[in-house]
Amino acid sequence: AGASTDALNNSINITATGTATVAQATTIEAATNSGTTTIAALTDSASAIAGSSNAVLDLVSGVVTANDDATAAEASTIAGFTKAVVYDVSDSASNLSVSTGLDEAVNITASGTATASETSTLLAAANTGST
């Protein structure tokens, strides 16, 4: 991901090995190369991933991982991407109860006091880890 913009633009195919950040993947995605573009993996903050796009994330052939917890709002954005992202979510129970990103999360951590309705929503999430 350290190649110059000119080198990327003049390439036919781009294959980025290792793990890129969102900033690096965005630079790679912006290249005007004439062939295919593939990024092996991407790891960054949940905030950076939420600020990314399908155009960038869909270039990743491997795993996209958030290296910190997403907020409820970030989780909703991340869950809307076509590329699956591995992430945990942590926020207040009230914020989490209206997030559309719970089912795709691994672990869900709620802070504060939850109402019965919020608790039901959180426990009904189809996340793969703990709630």
N, C-alpha and C. Protein backbone atom coordinates (compact mmCIF):
# COMPACT_ATOMS: atom_id res chain seq x y z
N ALA A 1 0.82 -1.21 0.00
CA ALA A 1 0.00 0.00 0.00
C ALA A 1 0.85 1.25 0.00
N GLY A 2 2.18 1.08 -0.11
CA GLY A 2 3.06 2.23 -0.08
C GLY A 2 3.49 2.74 -1.44
N ALA A 3 2.94 2.22 -2.51
CA ALA A 3 3.33 2.64 -3.85
C ALA A 3 2.85 4.06 -4.14
N SER A 4 3.58 4.75 -5.01
CA SER A 4 3.18 6.12 -5.36
C SER A 4 1.93 6.09 -6.23
N THR A 5 1.24 7.20 -6.25
CA THR A 5 0.02 7.32 -7.06
C THR A 5 0.32 7.08 -8.53
N ASP A 6 1.44 7.61 -9.04
CA ASP A 6 1.81 7.39 -10.44
C ASP A 6 2.02 5.91 -10.73
N ALA A 7 2.69 5.23 -9.82
CA ALA A 7 2.94 3.79 -10.01
C ALA A 7 1.63 3.02 -10.03
N LEU A 8 0.72 3.39 -9.14
CA LEU A 8 -0.59 2.72 -9.11
C LEU A 8 -1.37 2.98 -10.40
N ASN A 9 -1.39 4.24 -10.81
CA ASN A 9 -2.15 4.61 -12.01
C ASN A 9 -1.60 3.96 -13.28
N ASN A 10 -0.29 3.75 -13.34
CA ASN A 10 0.34 3.17 -14.52
C ASN A 10 0.35 1.64 -14.50
N SER A 11 -0.15 1.06 -13.44
CA SER A 11 -0.19 -0.40 -13.33
C SER A 11 -1.36 -0.96 -14.11
N ILE A 12 -1.26 -2.23 -14.44
CA ILE A 12 -2.42 -2.92 -15.02
C ILE A 12 -3.23 -3.50 -13.88
N ASN A 13 -2.66 -4.44 -13.13
CA ASN A 13 -3.33 -5.03 -11.98
C ASN A 13 -2.64 -4.59 -10.71
N ILE A 14 -3.42 -4.38 -9.65
CA ILE A 14 -2.87 -4.02 -8.35
C ILE A 14 -3.30 -5.09 -7.36
N THR A 15 -2.31 -5.68 -6.69
CA THR A 15 -2.58 -6.64 -5.63
C THR A 15 -1.83 -6.17 -4.40
N ALA A 16 -2.57 -5.70 -3.41
CA ALA A 16 -1.96 -5.25 -2.16
C ALA A 16 -1.96 -6.41 -1.18
N THR A 17 -0.78 -6.82 -0.78
CA THR A 17 -0.65 -7.92 0.19
C THR A 17 -0.54 -7.32 1.58
N GLY A 18 -0.69 -8.15 2.59
CA GLY A 18 -0.64 -7.64 3.95
C GLY A 18 -1.97 -7.03 4.33
N THR A 19 -1.93 -6.16 5.31
CA THR A 19 -3.15 -5.54 5.83
C THR A 19 -3.10 -4.04 5.63
N ALA A 20 -4.10 -3.51 4.96
CA ALA A 20 -4.18 -2.07 4.69
C ALA A 20 -5.06 -1.38 5.73
N THR A 21 -4.89 -0.08 5.85
CA THR A 21 -5.81 0.77 6.60
C THR A 21 -6.85 1.30 5.62
N VAL A 22 -7.86 1.96 6.13
CA VAL A 22 -8.86 2.57 5.24
C VAL A 22 -8.20 3.63 4.35
N ALA A 23 -7.31 4.43 4.92
CA ALA A 23 -6.64 5.47 4.12
C ALA A 23 -5.84 4.86 2.99
N GLN A 24 -5.10 3.79 3.28
CA GLN A 24 -4.32 3.14 2.23
C GLN A 24 -5.23 2.50 1.18
N ALA A 25 -6.29 1.84 1.63
CA ALA A 25 -7.23 1.20 0.70
C ALA A 25 -7.93 2.24 -0.17
N THR A 26 -8.21 3.39 0.38
CA THR A 26 -8.85 4.47 -0.39
C THR A 26 -7.92 4.97 -1.49
N THR A 27 -6.64 5.09 -1.18
CA THR A 27 -5.66 5.49 -2.19
C THR A 27 -5.59 4.45 -3.30
N ILE A 28 -5.58 3.18 -2.91
CA ILE A 28 -5.52 2.10 -3.89
C ILE A 28 -6.78 2.11 -4.76
N GLU A 29 -7.92 2.30 -4.14
CA GLU A 29 -9.20 2.31 -4.89
C GLU A 29 -9.25 3.44 -5.89
N ALA A 30 -8.62 4.56 -5.56
CA ALA A 30 -8.66 5.74 -6.44
C ALA A 30 -7.74 5.61 -7.66
N ALA A 31 -6.91 4.59 -7.68
CA ALA A 31 -5.98 4.41 -8.80
C ALA A 31 -6.74 4.19 -10.11
N THR A 32 -6.16 4.67 -11.17
CA THR A 32 -6.79 4.54 -12.49
C THR A 32 -6.14 3.43 -13.31
N ASN A 33 -5.66 2.40 -12.62
CA ASN A 33 -5.06 1.26 -13.34
C ASN A 33 -6.09 0.64 -14.28
N SER A 34 -5.59 -0.10 -15.26
CA SER A 34 -6.48 -0.63 -16.29
C SER A 34 -7.00 -2.04 -16.00
N GLY A 35 -6.47 -2.70 -14.98
CA GLY A 35 -6.87 -4.08 -14.70
C GLY A 35 -7.63 -4.21 -13.40
N THR A 36 -7.37 -5.30 -12.71
CA THR A 36 -8.06 -5.59 -11.46
C THR A 36 -7.32 -5.00 -10.27
N THR A 37 -8.04 -4.82 -9.19
CA THR A 37 -7.47 -4.30 -7.95
C THR A 37 -7.96 -5.17 -6.80
N THR A 38 -7.02 -5.67 -6.01
CA THR A 38 -7.35 -6.52 -4.87
C THR A 38 -6.51 -6.11 -3.66
N ILE A 39 -7.16 -6.08 -2.51
CA ILE A 39 -6.49 -5.79 -1.25
C ILE A 39 -6.68 -7.03 -0.37
N ALA A 40 -5.59 -7.55 0.20
CA ALA A 40 -5.65 -8.82 0.93
C ALA A 40 -6.51 -8.73 2.20
N ALA A 41 -6.34 -7.68 2.99
CA ALA A 41 -7.07 -7.54 4.26
C ALA A 41 -7.06 -6.06 4.65
N LEU A 42 -7.97 -5.71 5.53
CA LEU A 42 -8.05 -4.33 6.00
C LEU A 42 -8.37 -4.35 7.49
N THR A 43 -7.62 -3.59 8.27
CA THR A 43 -7.88 -3.41 9.70
C THR A 43 -7.74 -1.94 10.02
N ASP A 44 -8.73 -1.41 10.72
CA ASP A 44 -8.70 0.01 11.11
C ASP A 44 -9.71 0.21 12.22
N SER A 45 -9.85 1.45 12.66
CA SER A 45 -10.84 1.76 13.71
C SER A 45 -12.25 1.63 13.14
N ALA A 46 -13.20 1.39 14.01
CA ALA A 46 -14.59 1.31 13.59
C ALA A 46 -15.03 2.62 12.95
N SER A 47 -14.55 3.71 13.48
CA SER A 47 -14.89 5.03 12.93
C SER A 47 -14.38 5.17 11.50
N ALA A 48 -13.15 4.76 11.26
CA ALA A 48 -12.58 4.85 9.90
C ALA A 48 -13.34 3.93 8.94
N ILE A 49 -13.66 2.72 9.39
CA ILE A 49 -14.39 1.80 8.52
C ILE A 49 -15.78 2.33 8.23
N ALA A 50 -16.45 2.87 9.24
CA ALA A 50 -17.79 3.45 9.03
C ALA A 50 -17.74 4.61 8.04
N GLY A 51 -16.61 5.31 7.99
CA GLY A 51 -16.45 6.43 7.07
C GLY A 51 -15.99 6.01 5.68
N SER A 52 -15.82 4.73 5.47
CA SER A 52 -15.37 4.21 4.19
C SER A 52 -16.55 4.02 3.24
N SER A 53 -16.37 3.19 2.23
CA SER A 53 -17.43 2.99 1.23
C SER A 53 -17.40 1.57 0.70
N ASN A 54 -18.48 1.17 0.05
CA ASN A 54 -18.51 -0.13 -0.62
C ASN A 54 -17.42 -0.22 -1.69
N ALA A 55 -17.17 0.87 -2.39
CA ALA A 55 -16.15 0.86 -3.45
C ALA A 55 -14.79 0.46 -2.89
N VAL A 56 -14.47 0.89 -1.70
CA VAL A 56 -13.19 0.56 -1.07
C VAL A 56 -13.24 -0.83 -0.45
N LEU A 57 -14.24 -1.08 0.39
CA LEU A 57 -14.29 -2.34 1.13
C LEU A 57 -14.49 -3.56 0.24
N ASP A 58 -15.19 -3.39 -0.87
CA ASP A 58 -15.42 -4.52 -1.76
C ASP A 58 -14.15 -4.99 -2.48
N LEU A 59 -13.09 -4.20 -2.43
CA LEU A 59 -11.82 -4.62 -3.02
C LEU A 59 -11.06 -5.61 -2.13
N VAL A 60 -11.48 -5.73 -0.88
CA VAL A 60 -10.79 -6.59 0.07
C VAL A 60 -11.21 -8.04 -0.15
N SER A 61 -10.23 -8.87 -0.46
CA SER A 61 -10.53 -10.28 -0.71
C SER A 61 -10.58 -11.09 0.58
N GLY A 62 -9.94 -10.59 1.63
CA GLY A 62 -9.92 -11.27 2.92
C GLY A 62 -10.86 -10.61 3.91
N VAL A 63 -10.39 -10.50 5.13
CA VAL A 63 -11.22 -10.02 6.23
C VAL A 63 -11.04 -8.52 6.45
N VAL A 64 -12.17 -7.84 6.70
CA VAL A 64 -12.16 -6.45 7.14
C VAL A 64 -12.47 -6.48 8.63
N THR A 65 -11.60 -5.88 9.45
CA THR A 65 -11.72 -5.95 10.90
C THR A 65 -11.61 -4.57 11.53
N ALA A 66 -12.52 -4.28 12.44
CA ALA A 66 -12.42 -3.06 13.26
C ALA A 66 -11.58 -3.41 14.48
N ASN A 67 -10.56 -2.60 14.77
CA ASN A 67 -9.68 -2.90 15.89
C ASN A 67 -10.09 -2.20 17.18
N ASP A 68 -11.27 -1.60 17.19
CA ASP A 68 -11.86 -1.08 18.42
C ASP A 68 -13.38 -1.21 18.31
N ASP A 69 -14.09 -0.91 19.40
CA ASP A 69 -15.54 -1.06 19.40
C ASP A 69 -16.22 0.04 18.59
N ALA A 70 -17.24 -0.35 17.86
CA ALA A 70 -18.08 0.61 17.13
C ALA A 70 -19.13 1.16 18.08
N THR A 71 -19.54 2.40 17.85
CA THR A 71 -20.71 2.93 18.54
C THR A 71 -21.94 2.34 17.85
N ALA A 72 -23.10 2.55 18.43
CA ALA A 72 -24.33 2.06 17.81
C ALA A 72 -24.52 2.65 16.42
N ALA A 73 -24.25 3.94 16.27
CA ALA A 73 -24.40 4.59 14.96
C ALA A 73 -23.40 4.04 13.95
N GLU A 74 -22.14 3.86 14.38
CA GLU A 74 -21.13 3.30 13.48
C GLU A 74 -21.51 1.87 13.08
N ALA A 75 -22.03 1.10 14.02
CA ALA A 75 -22.44 -0.28 13.73
C ALA A 75 -23.54 -0.30 12.67
N SER A 76 -24.47 0.63 12.76
CA SER A 76 -25.54 0.70 11.76
C SER A 76 -24.97 0.95 10.37
N THR A 77 -23.98 1.85 10.29
CA THR A 77 -23.34 2.15 9.01
C THR A 77 -22.55 0.95 8.50
N ILE A 78 -21.76 0.35 9.37
CA ILE A 78 -20.92 -0.79 8.99
C ILE A 78 -21.78 -1.96 8.50
N ALA A 79 -22.88 -2.20 9.17
CA ALA A 79 -23.77 -3.30 8.80
C ALA A 79 -24.39 -3.10 7.41
N GLY A 80 -24.43 -1.88 6.94
CA GLY A 80 -25.01 -1.58 5.64
C GLY A 80 -24.07 -1.83 4.47
N PHE A 81 -22.79 -2.08 4.75
CA PHE A 81 -21.84 -2.35 3.68
C PHE A 81 -22.08 -3.74 3.10
N THR A 82 -21.76 -3.91 1.82
CA THR A 82 -21.91 -5.23 1.20
C THR A 82 -20.82 -6.19 1.67
N LYS A 83 -19.66 -5.68 2.03
CA LYS A 83 -18.57 -6.51 2.55
C LYS A 83 -18.78 -6.73 4.05
N ALA A 84 -18.72 -7.96 4.47
CA ALA A 84 -18.85 -8.27 5.90
C ALA A 84 -17.66 -7.68 6.65
N VAL A 85 -17.93 -7.14 7.83
CA VAL A 85 -16.89 -6.55 8.67
C VAL A 85 -16.97 -7.22 10.04
N VAL A 86 -15.81 -7.56 10.60
CA VAL A 86 -15.76 -8.13 11.95
C VAL A 86 -15.62 -6.97 12.92
N TYR A 87 -16.62 -6.82 13.80
CA TYR A 87 -16.58 -5.72 14.76
C TYR A 87 -17.39 -6.05 16.00
N ASP A 88 -17.03 -5.38 17.10
CA ASP A 88 -17.80 -5.39 18.34
C ASP A 88 -18.46 -4.03 18.44
N VAL A 89 -19.55 -3.98 19.20
CA VAL A 89 -20.25 -2.70 19.39
C VAL A 89 -20.45 -2.46 20.87
N SER A 90 -20.24 -1.22 21.28
CA SER A 90 -20.40 -0.84 22.68
C SER A 90 -20.98 0.57 22.73
N ASP A 91 -22.09 0.70 23.46
CA ASP A 91 -22.75 2.00 23.56
C ASP A 91 -23.78 1.91 24.68
N SER A 92 -24.54 2.96 24.87
CA SER A 92 -25.60 2.91 25.88
C SER A 92 -26.70 1.97 25.40
N ALA A 93 -27.42 1.41 26.35
CA ALA A 93 -28.51 0.49 26.00
C ALA A 93 -29.53 1.18 25.11
N SER A 94 -29.81 2.45 25.39
CA SER A 94 -30.81 3.15 24.57
C SER A 94 -30.33 3.35 23.14
N ASN A 95 -29.06 3.68 22.96
CA ASN A 95 -28.52 3.83 21.60
C ASN A 95 -28.47 2.49 20.88
N LEU A 96 -28.05 1.45 21.57
CA LEU A 96 -27.95 0.14 20.94
C LEU A 96 -29.31 -0.41 20.55
N SER A 97 -30.33 -0.10 21.32
CA SER A 97 -31.67 -0.67 21.05
C SER A 97 -32.26 -0.18 19.73
N VAL A 98 -31.74 0.91 19.17
CA VAL A 98 -32.24 1.41 17.89
C VAL A 98 -31.22 1.23 16.76
N SER A 99 -30.11 0.55 17.05
CA SER A 99 -29.08 0.32 16.03
C SER A 99 -29.50 -0.81 15.11
N THR A 100 -29.20 -0.65 13.83
CA THR A 100 -29.45 -1.71 12.86
C THR A 100 -28.21 -2.57 12.65
N GLY A 101 -27.19 -2.39 13.48
CA GLY A 101 -25.94 -3.11 13.31
C GLY A 101 -25.66 -4.17 14.35
N LEU A 102 -26.67 -4.59 15.09
CA LEU A 102 -26.43 -5.57 16.15
C LEU A 102 -26.26 -6.99 15.63
N ASP A 103 -27.07 -7.39 14.68
CA ASP A 103 -27.03 -8.77 14.19
C ASP A 103 -25.69 -9.12 13.56
N GLU A 104 -25.02 -8.17 12.93
CA GLU A 104 -23.75 -8.42 12.26
C GLU A 104 -22.55 -8.32 13.20
N ALA A 105 -22.75 -7.80 14.41
CA ALA A 105 -21.67 -7.63 15.37
C ALA A 105 -21.24 -8.97 15.95
N VAL A 106 -20.04 -8.99 16.53
CA VAL A 106 -19.59 -10.16 17.27
C VAL A 106 -20.09 -10.01 18.71
N ASN A 107 -19.53 -9.08 19.45
CA ASN A 107 -19.93 -8.86 20.84
C ASN A 107 -20.67 -7.53 20.97
N ILE A 108 -21.67 -7.50 21.85
CA ILE A 108 -22.44 -6.30 22.12
C ILE A 108 -22.30 -5.98 23.60
N THR A 109 -21.88 -4.75 23.90
CA THR A 109 -21.74 -4.31 25.28
C THR A 109 -22.59 -3.07 25.48
N ALA A 110 -23.57 -3.20 26.38
CA ALA A 110 -24.46 -2.08 26.68
C ALA A 110 -24.06 -1.47 28.01
N SER A 111 -24.07 -0.15 28.06
CA SER A 111 -23.79 0.54 29.31
C SER A 111 -25.05 1.23 29.79
N GLY A 112 -25.08 1.55 31.06
CA GLY A 112 -26.23 2.24 31.64
C GLY A 112 -27.35 1.27 31.97
N THR A 113 -28.45 1.83 32.37
CA THR A 113 -29.62 1.04 32.73
C THR A 113 -30.52 0.87 31.51
N ALA A 114 -30.91 -0.37 31.25
CA ALA A 114 -31.76 -0.67 30.10
C ALA A 114 -33.19 -0.89 30.55
N THR A 115 -34.13 -0.43 29.74
CA THR A 115 -35.54 -0.73 30.00
C THR A 115 -35.79 -2.19 29.61
N ALA A 116 -36.94 -2.69 29.97
CA ALA A 116 -37.30 -4.06 29.59
C ALA A 116 -37.33 -4.21 28.07
N SER A 117 -37.86 -3.22 27.39
CA SER A 117 -37.93 -3.26 25.93
C SER A 117 -36.53 -3.25 25.30
N GLU A 118 -35.65 -2.38 25.83
CA GLU A 118 -34.28 -2.31 25.31
C GLU A 118 -33.55 -3.63 25.55
N THR A 119 -33.75 -4.21 26.73
CA THR A 119 -33.13 -5.49 27.05
C THR A 119 -33.59 -6.57 26.09
N SER A 120 -34.88 -6.61 25.81
CA SER A 120 -35.43 -7.60 24.87
C SER A 120 -34.81 -7.45 23.49
N THR A 121 -34.68 -6.21 23.04
CA THR A 121 -34.08 -5.94 21.73
C THR A 121 -32.64 -6.42 21.69
N LEU A 122 -31.88 -6.11 22.72
CA LEU A 122 -30.47 -6.49 22.75
C LEU A 122 -30.30 -8.00 22.81
N LEU A 123 -31.11 -8.65 23.62
CA LEU A 123 -31.01 -10.11 23.75
C LEU A 123 -31.49 -10.84 22.51
N ALA A 124 -32.31 -10.19 21.70
CA ALA A 124 -32.83 -10.81 20.47
C ALA A 124 -31.86 -10.69 19.31
N ALA A 125 -30.78 -9.93 19.49
CA ALA A 125 -29.82 -9.75 18.40
C ALA A 125 -29.18 -11.09 18.03
N ALA A 126 -28.91 -11.24 16.75
CA ALA A 126 -28.34 -12.49 16.22
C ALA A 126 -26.82 -12.41 16.11
N ASN A 127 -26.18 -11.58 16.93
CA ASN A 127 -24.74 -11.47 16.89
C ASN A 127 -24.09 -12.80 17.23
N THR A 128 -22.82 -12.95 16.84
CA THR A 128 -22.16 -14.25 17.01
C THR A 128 -21.44 -14.41 18.33
N GLY A 129 -21.29 -13.35 19.11
CA GLY A 129 -20.58 -13.41 20.38
C GLY A 129 -21.49 -13.23 21.57
N SER A 130 -21.00 -12.51 22.54
CA SER A 130 -21.77 -12.29 23.77
C SER A 130 -22.54 -10.99 23.72
N THR A 131 -23.59 -10.93 24.54
CA THR A 131 -24.39 -9.72 24.67
C THR A 131 -24.47 -9.34 26.13
